[in-house]
Structure formats: C-alpha cells, structure tokens
Amino acid sequence: MAADIPALLALEKDAASAAHWSLAQYQAAFSSEGPSRVALVLEEGTSVRGFVIARVLDQEWEIENIAVTGPARRRGLGTRLLGEFLEMARSGGAKAIFLEVRESNLAARDLYEKCAFTESGRRKLYYREPDEDAIGYRIDLP
C-alpha cells in the first residue's frame, strides 16, 4: 500500500472534499507504528480511482479519509468502495463505524445515508478554510 501513496496524494488533491493529508500523514497511515489502520484502494486498469483509510479502534472503526477521483464520480464507484469497506469492517470484527464530514458536502452525506449511516452529532466550526461544521455519522454493523 505504501507504493500507492503518490497516487493517493494526487487523487485527494483533485478531490476538494477529501481530507488533505501530507506525505508524512500517509506514510504514518501505512506504518506499523501508531494506531492500527486499514486502507482499501479502488483501481481501474492501472489507475487509482478511489480510496478509503480508516483507523481501527477495537470494534469501532473511524473513516479518516475517503475520496473518488473526479472522472470516476457519478458512476457508482463511491458506493462500491464504501460497500466493500463495510464488508471488510464486518469481516474484521467491527461493530460500528463512524466518520465526520463537512456540512456542505452533500454528495458525501447522501452516499453515507444511502449506505445506512445516520447522523450522530455535530462539531461547530470543526473545519477551516472555509470555516464549517462537521457532521458526525455512524453505522452499527450486525
């Protein structure tokens, strides 16, 4: 997965709604040190089209970053990526998944709600540039 870091950086730079991580943050995510994380990368041919990175906290997992490249949007790839991630989490023993998203990111919020996530809270002015609330979402897994 560390070999995918340059592609992940390029993809998320084009995805305004993605969390913009530094190279060091991606390297830490794929390091064996620190919190346990999982990543799922969606490829078409030789191109990375999307990814999700989550922190594993025993039976609760937190989606930290998720993005789908612009040309791949509106083709169901985000739904596929999130669906495969939910199956990975179930297989990995997760009982719940949570995340935060910009209030204005209606496309992502629609995707999460379509996949049975429900709003679980709000963090006032959590995001910067522009200042914006974060909406928390959660899904309990059977």
C-alpha atoms as a PDB file:
ATOM      1  CA  MET A   1       0.000   0.000   0.000  1.00  0.00           C
ATOM      2  CA  ALA A   2       2.842   2.436   0.647  1.00  0.00           C
ATOM      3  CA  ALA A   3       3.573   2.216  -3.086  1.00  0.00           C
ATOM      4  CA  ASP A   4       0.133   3.791  -3.683  1.00  0.00           C
ATOM      5  CA  ILE A   5       0.931   6.961  -1.685  1.00  0.00           C
ATOM      6  CA  PRO A   6       1.862   9.140  -4.697  1.00  0.00           C
ATOM      7  CA  ALA A   7      -1.408   8.177  -6.438  1.00  0.00           C
ATOM      8  CA  LEU A   8      -3.413   8.816  -3.255  1.00  0.00           C
ATOM      9  CA  LEU A   9      -1.818  12.251  -2.848  1.00  0.00           C
ATOM     10  CA  ALA A  10      -2.606  13.154  -6.452  1.00  0.00           C
ATOM     11  CA  LEU A  11      -6.178  11.900  -6.208  1.00  0.00           C
ATOM     12  CA  GLU A  12      -7.038  13.708  -2.985  1.00  0.00           C
ATOM     13  CA  LYS A  13      -5.545  16.974  -4.248  1.00  0.00           C
ATOM     14  CA  ASP A  14      -8.183  16.906  -7.018  1.00  0.00           C
ATOM     15  CA  ALA A  15     -10.961  15.986  -4.567  1.00  0.00           C
ATOM     16  CA  ALA A  16     -11.897  19.206  -2.786  1.00  0.00           C
ATOM     17  CA  SER A  17     -13.977  17.325  -0.217  1.00  0.00           C
ATOM     18  CA  ALA A  18     -11.235  14.862   0.776  1.00  0.00           C
ATOM     19  CA  ALA A  19      -9.063  15.397   3.829  1.00  0.00           C
ATOM     20  CA  HIS A  20      -5.824  16.842   2.503  1.00  0.00           C
ATOM     21  CA  TRP A  21      -3.056  14.914   4.177  1.00  0.00           C
ATOM     22  CA  SER A  22       0.670  15.494   3.934  1.00  0.00           C
ATOM     23  CA  LEU A  23       3.096  12.878   2.664  1.00  0.00           C
ATOM     24  CA  ALA A  24       4.116  12.253   6.288  1.00  0.00           C
ATOM     25  CA  GLN A  25       0.493  11.581   7.274  1.00  0.00           C
ATOM     26  CA  TYR A  26       0.107   8.989   4.506  1.00  0.00           C
ATOM     27  CA  GLN A  27       3.407   7.390   5.460  1.00  0.00           C
ATOM     28  CA  ALA A  28       2.253   7.206   9.092  1.00  0.00           C
ATOM     29  CA  ALA A  29      -1.044   5.641   7.996  1.00  0.00           C
ATOM     30  CA  PHE A  30       0.835   2.810   6.297  1.00  0.00           C
ATOM     31  CA  SER A  31       3.437   2.449   9.045  1.00  0.00           C
ATOM     32  CA  SER A  32       3.343  -0.402  11.545  1.00  0.00           C
ATOM     33  CA  GLU A  33       3.784   2.153  14.327  1.00  0.00           C
ATOM     34  CA  GLY A  34       0.900   4.079  15.848  1.00  0.00           C
ATOM     35  CA  PRO A  35      -2.784   3.234  15.614  1.00  0.00           C
ATOM     36  CA  SER A  36      -3.916   0.304  13.521  1.00  0.00           C
ATOM     37  CA  ARG A  37      -5.326   1.349  10.154  1.00  0.00           C
ATOM     38  CA  VAL A  38      -6.823  -0.313   7.111  1.00  0.00           C
ATOM     39  CA  ALA A  39      -6.941   1.018   3.579  1.00  0.00           C
ATOM     40  CA  LEU A  40      -8.918  -0.004   0.557  1.00  0.00           C
ATOM     41  CA  VAL A  41      -7.819   1.271  -2.854  1.00  0.00           C
ATOM     42  CA  LEU A  42     -10.103   1.117  -5.883  1.00  0.00           C
ATOM     43  CA  GLU A  43      -8.266   0.714  -9.179  1.00  0.00           C
ATOM     44  CA  GLU A  44      -9.408   0.629 -12.795  1.00  0.00           C
ATOM     45  CA  GLY A  45      -6.696  -0.693 -15.037  1.00  0.00           C
ATOM     46  CA  THR A  46      -3.513   0.866 -13.726  1.00  0.00           C
ATOM     47  CA  SER A  47      -5.176   3.982 -12.279  1.00  0.00           C
ATOM     48  CA  VAL A  48      -6.249   4.593  -8.696  1.00  0.00           C
ATOM     49  CA  ARG A  49      -9.859   5.814  -8.832  1.00  0.00           C
ATOM     50  CA  GLY A  50     -10.670   5.968  -5.133  1.00  0.00           C
ATOM     51  CA  PHE A  51      -9.622   5.029  -1.641  1.00  0.00           C
ATOM     52  CA  VAL A  52     -10.744   4.831   1.956  1.00  0.00           C
ATOM     53  CA  ILE A  53      -8.462   4.862   5.003  1.00  0.00           C
ATOM     54  CA  ALA A  54      -9.808   4.004   8.439  1.00  0.00           C
ATOM     55  CA  ARG A  55      -8.443   3.738  11.950  1.00  0.00           C
ATOM     56  CA  VAL A  56      -9.277   0.512  13.786  1.00  0.00           C
ATOM     57  CA  LEU A  57     -10.237   1.060  17.420  1.00  0.00           C
ATOM     58  CA  ASP A  58     -11.099  -2.463  18.541  1.00  0.00           C
ATOM     59  CA  GLN A  59     -14.730  -2.932  17.438  1.00  0.00           C
ATOM     60  CA  GLU A  60     -15.199   0.693  16.364  1.00  0.00           C
ATOM     61  CA  TRP A  61     -13.625   1.883  13.153  1.00  0.00           C
ATOM     62  CA  GLU A  62     -13.269   5.516  12.077  1.00  0.00           C
ATOM     63  CA  ILE A  63     -13.164   6.518   8.422  1.00  0.00           C
ATOM     64  CA  GLU A  64     -10.406   9.116   8.335  1.00  0.00           C
ATOM     65  CA  ASN A  65     -10.207   9.808   4.617  1.00  0.00           C
ATOM     66  CA  ILE A  66     -12.209   8.784   1.569  1.00  0.00           C
ATOM     67  CA  ALA A  67     -12.044  10.093  -1.973  1.00  0.00           C
ATOM     68  CA  VAL A  68     -13.046   9.206  -5.512  1.00  0.00           C
ATOM     69  CA  THR A  69     -11.373  10.892  -8.470  1.00  0.00           C
ATOM     70  CA  GLY A  70     -13.447  13.407 -10.434  1.00  0.00           C
ATOM     71  CA  PRO A  71     -13.769  11.388 -13.674  1.00  0.00           C
ATOM     72  CA  ALA A  72     -14.946   8.359 -11.658  1.00  0.00           C
ATOM     73  CA  ARG A  73     -17.696  10.193  -9.791  1.00  0.00           C
ATOM     74  CA  ARG A  74     -21.377   9.606 -10.559  1.00  0.00           C
ATOM     75  CA  ARG A  75     -20.587   6.077 -11.774  1.00  0.00           C
ATOM     76  CA  GLY A  76     -21.349   4.241  -8.529  1.00  0.00           C
ATOM     77  CA  LEU A  77     -17.700   3.805  -7.575  1.00  0.00           C
ATOM     78  CA  GLY A  78     -18.100   5.614  -4.248  1.00  0.00           C
ATOM     79  CA  THR A  79     -20.995   3.312  -3.360  1.00  0.00           C
ATOM     80  CA  ARG A  80     -18.957   0.271  -4.401  1.00  0.00           C
ATOM     81  CA  LEU A  81     -15.912   1.445  -2.448  1.00  0.00           C
ATOM     82  CA  LEU A  82     -17.909   2.150   0.704  1.00  0.00           C
ATOM     83  CA  GLY A  83     -19.825  -1.135   0.366  1.00  0.00           C
ATOM     84  CA  GLU A  84     -16.600  -3.133   0.076  1.00  0.00           C
ATOM     85  CA  PHE A  85     -15.188  -1.235   3.034  1.00  0.00           C
ATOM     86  CA  LEU A  86     -18.271  -2.085   5.148  1.00  0.00           C
ATOM     87  CA  GLU A  87     -17.811  -5.770   4.281  1.00  0.00           C
ATOM     88  CA  MET A  88     -14.122  -5.553   5.211  1.00  0.00           C
ATOM     89  CA  ALA A  89     -15.060  -3.965   8.532  1.00  0.00           C
ATOM     90  CA  ARG A  90     -17.668  -6.657   9.293  1.00  0.00           C
ATOM     91  CA  SER A  91     -15.135  -9.378   8.468  1.00  0.00           C
ATOM     92  CA  GLY A  92     -12.602  -7.594  10.668  1.00  0.00           C
ATOM     93  CA  GLY A  93     -14.911  -7.649  13.696  1.00  0.00           C
ATOM     94  CA  ALA A  94     -16.152  -4.057  13.578  1.00  0.00           C
ATOM     95  CA  LYS A  95     -19.440  -3.420  15.361  1.00  0.00           C
ATOM     96  CA  ALA A  96     -19.689   0.266  14.432  1.00  0.00           C
ATOM     97  CA  ILE A  97     -18.117   2.731  12.012  1.00  0.00           C
ATOM     98  CA  PHE A  98     -18.088   6.465  12.437  1.00  0.00           C
ATOM     99  CA  LEU A  99     -16.846   9.478  10.468  1.00  0.00           C
ATOM    100  CA  GLU A 100     -17.086  13.245  10.151  1.00  0.00           C
ATOM    101  CA  VAL A 101     -17.889  15.194   7.009  1.00  0.00           C
ATOM    102  CA  ARG A 102     -18.205  18.855   6.070  1.00  0.00           C
ATOM    103  CA  GLU A 103     -21.781  20.042   6.435  1.00  0.00           C
ATOM    104  CA  SER A 104     -21.730  21.365   2.844  1.00  0.00           C
ATOM    105  CA  ASN A 105     -20.512  18.073   1.326  1.00  0.00           C
ATOM    106  CA  LEU A 106     -23.979  16.977   0.253  1.00  0.00           C
ATOM    107  CA  ALA A 107     -22.753  14.327  -2.199  1.00  0.00           C
ATOM    108  CA  ALA A 108     -20.806  12.523   0.543  1.00  0.00           C
ATOM    109  CA  ARG A 109     -23.635  12.921   3.035  1.00  0.00           C
ATOM    110  CA  ASP A 110     -26.081  11.417   0.509  1.00  0.00           C
ATOM    111  CA  LEU A 111     -23.702   8.499  -0.051  1.00  0.00           C
ATOM    112  CA  TYR A 112     -23.368   7.807   3.685  1.00  0.00           C
ATOM    113  CA  GLU A 113     -27.118   7.996   4.227  1.00  0.00           C
ATOM    114  CA  LYS A 114     -27.702   5.712   1.209  1.00  0.00           C
ATOM    115  CA  CYS A 115     -25.370   3.194   2.888  1.00  0.00           C
ATOM    116  CA  ALA A 116     -27.410   3.369   6.162  1.00  0.00           C
ATOM    117  CA  PHE A 117     -25.183   5.740   8.148  1.00  0.00           C
ATOM    118  CA  THR A 118     -27.144   8.046  10.465  1.00  0.00           C
ATOM    119  CA  GLU A 119     -26.244  11.463  11.824  1.00  0.00           C
ATOM    120  CA  SER A 120     -24.714  11.177  15.270  1.00  0.00           C
ATOM    121  CA  GLY A 121     -23.639  14.706  16.136  1.00  0.00           C
ATOM    122  CA  ARG A 122     -22.109  17.984  15.105  1.00  0.00           C
ATOM    123  CA  ARG A 123     -18.812  19.755  15.814  1.00  0.00           C
ATOM    124  CA  LYS A 124     -19.213  23.505  15.470  1.00  0.00           C
ATOM    125  CA  LEU A 125     -16.645  25.134  13.191  1.00  0.00           C
ATOM    126  CA  TYR A 126     -14.506  21.984  13.124  1.00  0.00           C
ATOM    127  CA  TYR A 127     -13.205  22.602   9.586  1.00  0.00           C
ATOM    128  CA  ARG A 128     -11.156  25.567   8.384  1.00  0.00           C
ATOM    129  CA  GLU A 129     -10.799  27.281   5.028  1.00  0.00           C
ATOM    130  CA  PRO A 130     -13.717  27.677   4.869  1.00  0.00           C
ATOM    131  CA  ASP A 131     -14.894  27.545   8.467  1.00  0.00           C
ATOM    132  CA  GLU A 132     -17.615  24.947   8.671  1.00  0.00           C
ATOM    133  CA  ASP A 133     -19.329  22.496  10.986  1.00  0.00           C
ATOM    134  CA  ALA A 134     -18.567  18.794  10.863  1.00  0.00           C
ATOM    135  CA  ILE A 135     -21.491  16.397  10.809  1.00  0.00           C
ATOM    136  CA  GLY A 136     -20.832  13.082  12.528  1.00  0.00           C
ATOM    137  CA  TYR A 137     -22.202   9.863  11.056  1.00  0.00           C
ATOM    138  CA  ARG A 138     -22.340   6.364  12.474  1.00  0.00           C
ATOM    139  CA  ILE A 139     -23.443   2.930  11.363  1.00  0.00           C
ATOM    140  CA  ASP A 140     -23.897  -0.069  13.634  1.00  0.00           C
ATOM    141  CA  LEU A 141     -22.976  -3.349  11.976  1.00  0.00           C
ATOM    142  CA  PRO A 142     -24.838  -6.606  12.586  1.00  0.00           C
END
